[in-house]
C-alpha atoms as a PDB file:
ATOM      1  CA  MET A   1       0.000   0.000   0.000  1.00  0.00           C
ATOM      2  CA  ALA A   2       2.861   2.382   0.768  1.00  0.00           C
ATOM      3  CA  ASN A   3       4.338   1.790  -2.673  1.00  0.00           C
ATOM      4  CA  PHE A   4       1.020   2.678  -4.337  1.00  0.00           C
ATOM      5  CA  LYS A   5       0.837   5.965  -2.387  1.00  0.00           C
ATOM      6  CA  THR A   6       4.417   6.779  -3.303  1.00  0.00           C
ATOM      7  CA  ILE A   7       3.764   6.095  -6.981  1.00  0.00           C
ATOM      8  CA  LEU A   8       0.544   8.126  -6.882  1.00  0.00           C
ATOM      9  CA  ARG A   9       2.322  11.103  -5.283  1.00  0.00           C
ATOM     10  CA  ALA A  10       5.075  10.918  -7.891  1.00  0.00           C
ATOM     11  CA  MET A  11       2.512  10.819 -10.687  1.00  0.00           C
ATOM     12  CA  LEU A  12       0.720  13.866  -9.278  1.00  0.00           C
ATOM     13  CA  MET A  13       3.981  15.787  -9.009  1.00  0.00           C
ATOM     14  CA  ILE A  14       4.805  15.402 -12.716  1.00  0.00           C
ATOM     15  CA  PRO A  15       2.099  17.811 -14.013  1.00  0.00           C
ATOM     16  CA  ALA A  16       2.902  20.298 -11.250  1.00  0.00           C
ATOM     17  CA  THR A  17       6.592  20.185 -12.143  1.00  0.00           C
ATOM     18  CA  VAL A  18       5.831  20.642 -15.851  1.00  0.00           C
ATOM     19  CA  LEU A  19       3.636  23.676 -15.074  1.00  0.00           C
ATOM     20  CA  MET A  20       6.338  25.215 -12.889  1.00  0.00           C
ATOM     21  CA  ILE A  21       8.907  24.801 -15.670  1.00  0.00           C
ATOM     22  CA  GLN A  22       6.521  26.340 -18.228  1.00  0.00           C
ATOM     23  CA  PHE A  23       5.869  29.362 -16.005  1.00  0.00           C
ATOM     24  CA  GLN A  24       9.593  29.798 -15.387  1.00  0.00           C
ATOM     25  CA  LEU A  25      10.288  29.681 -19.125  1.00  0.00           C
ATOM     26  CA  MET A  26       7.457  32.166 -19.780  1.00  0.00           C
ATOM     27  CA  GLY A  27       8.849  34.427 -17.082  1.00  0.00           C
ATOM     28  CA  ALA A  28      12.310  34.299 -18.607  1.00  0.00           C
ATOM     29  CA  ALA A  29      10.931  34.965 -22.073  1.00  0.00           C
ATOM     30  CA  MET A  30       8.704  37.858 -21.009  1.00  0.00           C
ATOM     31  CA  GLY A  31      11.046  39.351 -18.448  1.00  0.00           C
ATOM     32  CA  GLN A  32      10.604  39.345 -14.735  1.00  0.00           C
ATOM     33  CA  SER A  33       8.675  42.599 -14.767  1.00  0.00           C
ATOM     34  CA  CYS A  34       5.719  41.377 -16.861  1.00  0.00           C
ATOM     35  CA  PRO A  35       3.590  40.322 -13.863  1.00  0.00           C
ATOM     36  CA  VAL A  36       4.305  43.680 -12.234  1.00  0.00           C
ATOM     37  CA  GLN A  37       3.453  45.525 -15.437  1.00  0.00           C
ATOM     38  CA  LEU A  38       0.163  43.652 -15.681  1.00  0.00           C
ATOM     39  CA  SER A  39      -0.729  44.245 -12.039  1.00  0.00           C
ATOM     40  CA  ASN A  40      -0.292  47.981 -12.614  1.00  0.00           C
ATOM     41  CA  LEU A  41      -3.190  47.772 -15.075  1.00  0.00           C
ATOM     42  CA  ASN A  42      -5.600  47.363 -12.147  1.00  0.00           C
ATOM     43  CA  VAL A  43      -6.167  51.127 -12.376  1.00  0.00           C
ATOM     44  CA  CYS A  44      -7.919  50.390 -15.703  1.00  0.00           C
ATOM     45  CA  ALA A  45     -10.628  48.249 -14.068  1.00  0.00           C
ATOM     46  CA  PRO A  46     -13.208  51.068 -13.902  1.00  0.00           C
ATOM     47  CA  PHE A  47     -12.970  51.320 -17.690  1.00  0.00           C
ATOM     48  CA  VAL A  48     -12.793  47.670 -18.731  1.00  0.00           C
ATOM     49  CA  VAL A  49     -15.286  46.019 -16.372  1.00  0.00           C
ATOM     50  CA  PRO A  50     -18.585  45.426 -18.207  1.00  0.00           C
ATOM     51  CA  GLY A  51     -21.280  47.840 -17.063  1.00  0.00           C
ATOM     52  CA  ALA A  52     -18.767  50.274 -15.615  1.00  0.00           C
ATOM     53  CA  PRO A  53     -19.979  53.883 -15.767  1.00  0.00           C
ATOM     54  CA  THR A  54     -16.602  55.157 -16.961  1.00  0.00           C
ATOM     55  CA  THR A  55     -16.513  55.664 -20.725  1.00  0.00           C
ATOM     56  CA  ALA A  56     -12.896  56.769 -21.059  1.00  0.00           C
ATOM     57  CA  PRO A  57      -9.732  55.433 -19.441  1.00  0.00           C
ATOM     58  CA  SER A  58      -8.135  57.580 -16.770  1.00  0.00           C
ATOM     59  CA  PRO A  59      -4.714  59.153 -17.291  1.00  0.00           C
ATOM     60  CA  ASP A  60      -3.361  56.658 -14.734  1.00  0.00           C
ATOM     61  CA  CYS A  61      -4.721  53.784 -16.830  1.00  0.00           C
ATOM     62  CA  CYS A  62      -3.159  55.184 -20.004  1.00  0.00           C
ATOM     63  CA  ASN A  63       0.172  55.678 -18.234  1.00  0.00           C
ATOM     64  CA  ALA A  64       0.095  52.100 -16.881  1.00  0.00           C
ATOM     65  CA  LEU A  65      -0.704  50.746 -20.348  1.00  0.00           C
ATOM     66  CA  GLN A  66       2.223  52.649 -21.856  1.00  0.00           C
ATOM     67  CA  LEU A  67       4.537  50.951 -19.354  1.00  0.00           C
ATOM     68  CA  VAL A  68       3.519  47.420 -20.370  1.00  0.00           C
ATOM     69  CA  SER A  69       5.908  45.979 -22.906  1.00  0.00           C
ATOM     70  CA  ASN A  70       4.473  44.800 -26.198  1.00  0.00           C
ATOM     71  CA  ASP A  71       5.854  41.282 -25.638  1.00  0.00           C
ATOM     72  CA  CYS A  72       4.266  41.085 -22.196  1.00  0.00           C
ATOM     73  CA  LEU A  73       0.839  42.228 -23.363  1.00  0.00           C
ATOM     74  CA  CYS A  74       0.804  40.085 -26.505  1.00  0.00           C
ATOM     75  CA  SER A  75       1.990  36.973 -24.658  1.00  0.00           C
ATOM     76  CA  THR A  76      -0.666  37.476 -22.002  1.00  0.00           C
ATOM     77  CA  LEU A  77      -3.432  37.878 -24.582  1.00  0.00           C
ATOM     78  CA  ARG A  78      -2.176  34.850 -26.504  1.00  0.00           C
ATOM     79  CA  ILE A  79      -2.152  32.724 -23.342  1.00  0.00           C
ATOM     80  CA  ALA A  80      -5.573  34.014 -22.272  1.00  0.00           C
ATOM     81  CA  SER A  81      -7.026  33.098 -25.657  1.00  0.00           C
ATOM     82  CA  THR A  82      -6.081  29.444 -25.067  1.00  0.00           C
ATOM     83  CA  LEU A  83      -7.932  29.211 -21.741  1.00  0.00           C
ATOM     84  CA  PRO A  84     -11.341  28.106 -23.098  1.00  0.00           C
ATOM     85  CA  THR A  85      -9.787  25.145 -24.921  1.00  0.00           C
ATOM     86  CA  ALA A  86      -7.539  24.269 -21.980  1.00  0.00           C
ATOM     87  CA  CYS A  87     -10.518  24.420 -19.590  1.00  0.00           C
ATOM     88  CA  ARG A  88     -12.773  22.539 -21.997  1.00  0.00           C
ATOM     89  CA  VAL A  89     -15.377  25.290 -22.208  1.00  0.00           C
ATOM     90  CA  PRO A  90     -16.973  26.613 -25.405  1.00  0.00           C
ATOM     91  CA  PRO A  91     -14.803  29.075 -27.344  1.00  0.00           C
ATOM     92  CA  LEU A  92     -15.478  32.734 -26.801  1.00  0.00           C
ATOM     93  CA  SER A  93     -17.563  34.585 -29.312  1.00  0.00           C
ATOM     94  CA  CYS A  94     -17.269  38.301 -28.644  1.00  0.00           C
ATOM     95  CA  SER A  95     -19.365  40.924 -30.373  1.00  0.00           C
ATOM     96  CA  THR A  96     -18.274  44.520 -30.828  1.00  0.00           C
ATOM     97  CA  GLU A  97     -21.394  45.853 -29.136  1.00  0.00           C
END
């Protein structure tokens, strides 16, 4: 029984290890500051949240967006676009309205 538990733990650690390696490689590719750059975009929430009363981004939002590197933003959008498939949910269908 102990051997089965040991094997099961090892098998569960493999996906976790693979994910950690992928995130480390993404971090190296995008630069260590990408998560910080993205977190600075929180000031844009009043503009981007559906139903928000704000119709124009604030100067703080625009300044934060200017500080996000193109590679960071594009990589994040590319990764986010794969989430529906990875989570086995229907693909997004966004209208412009």
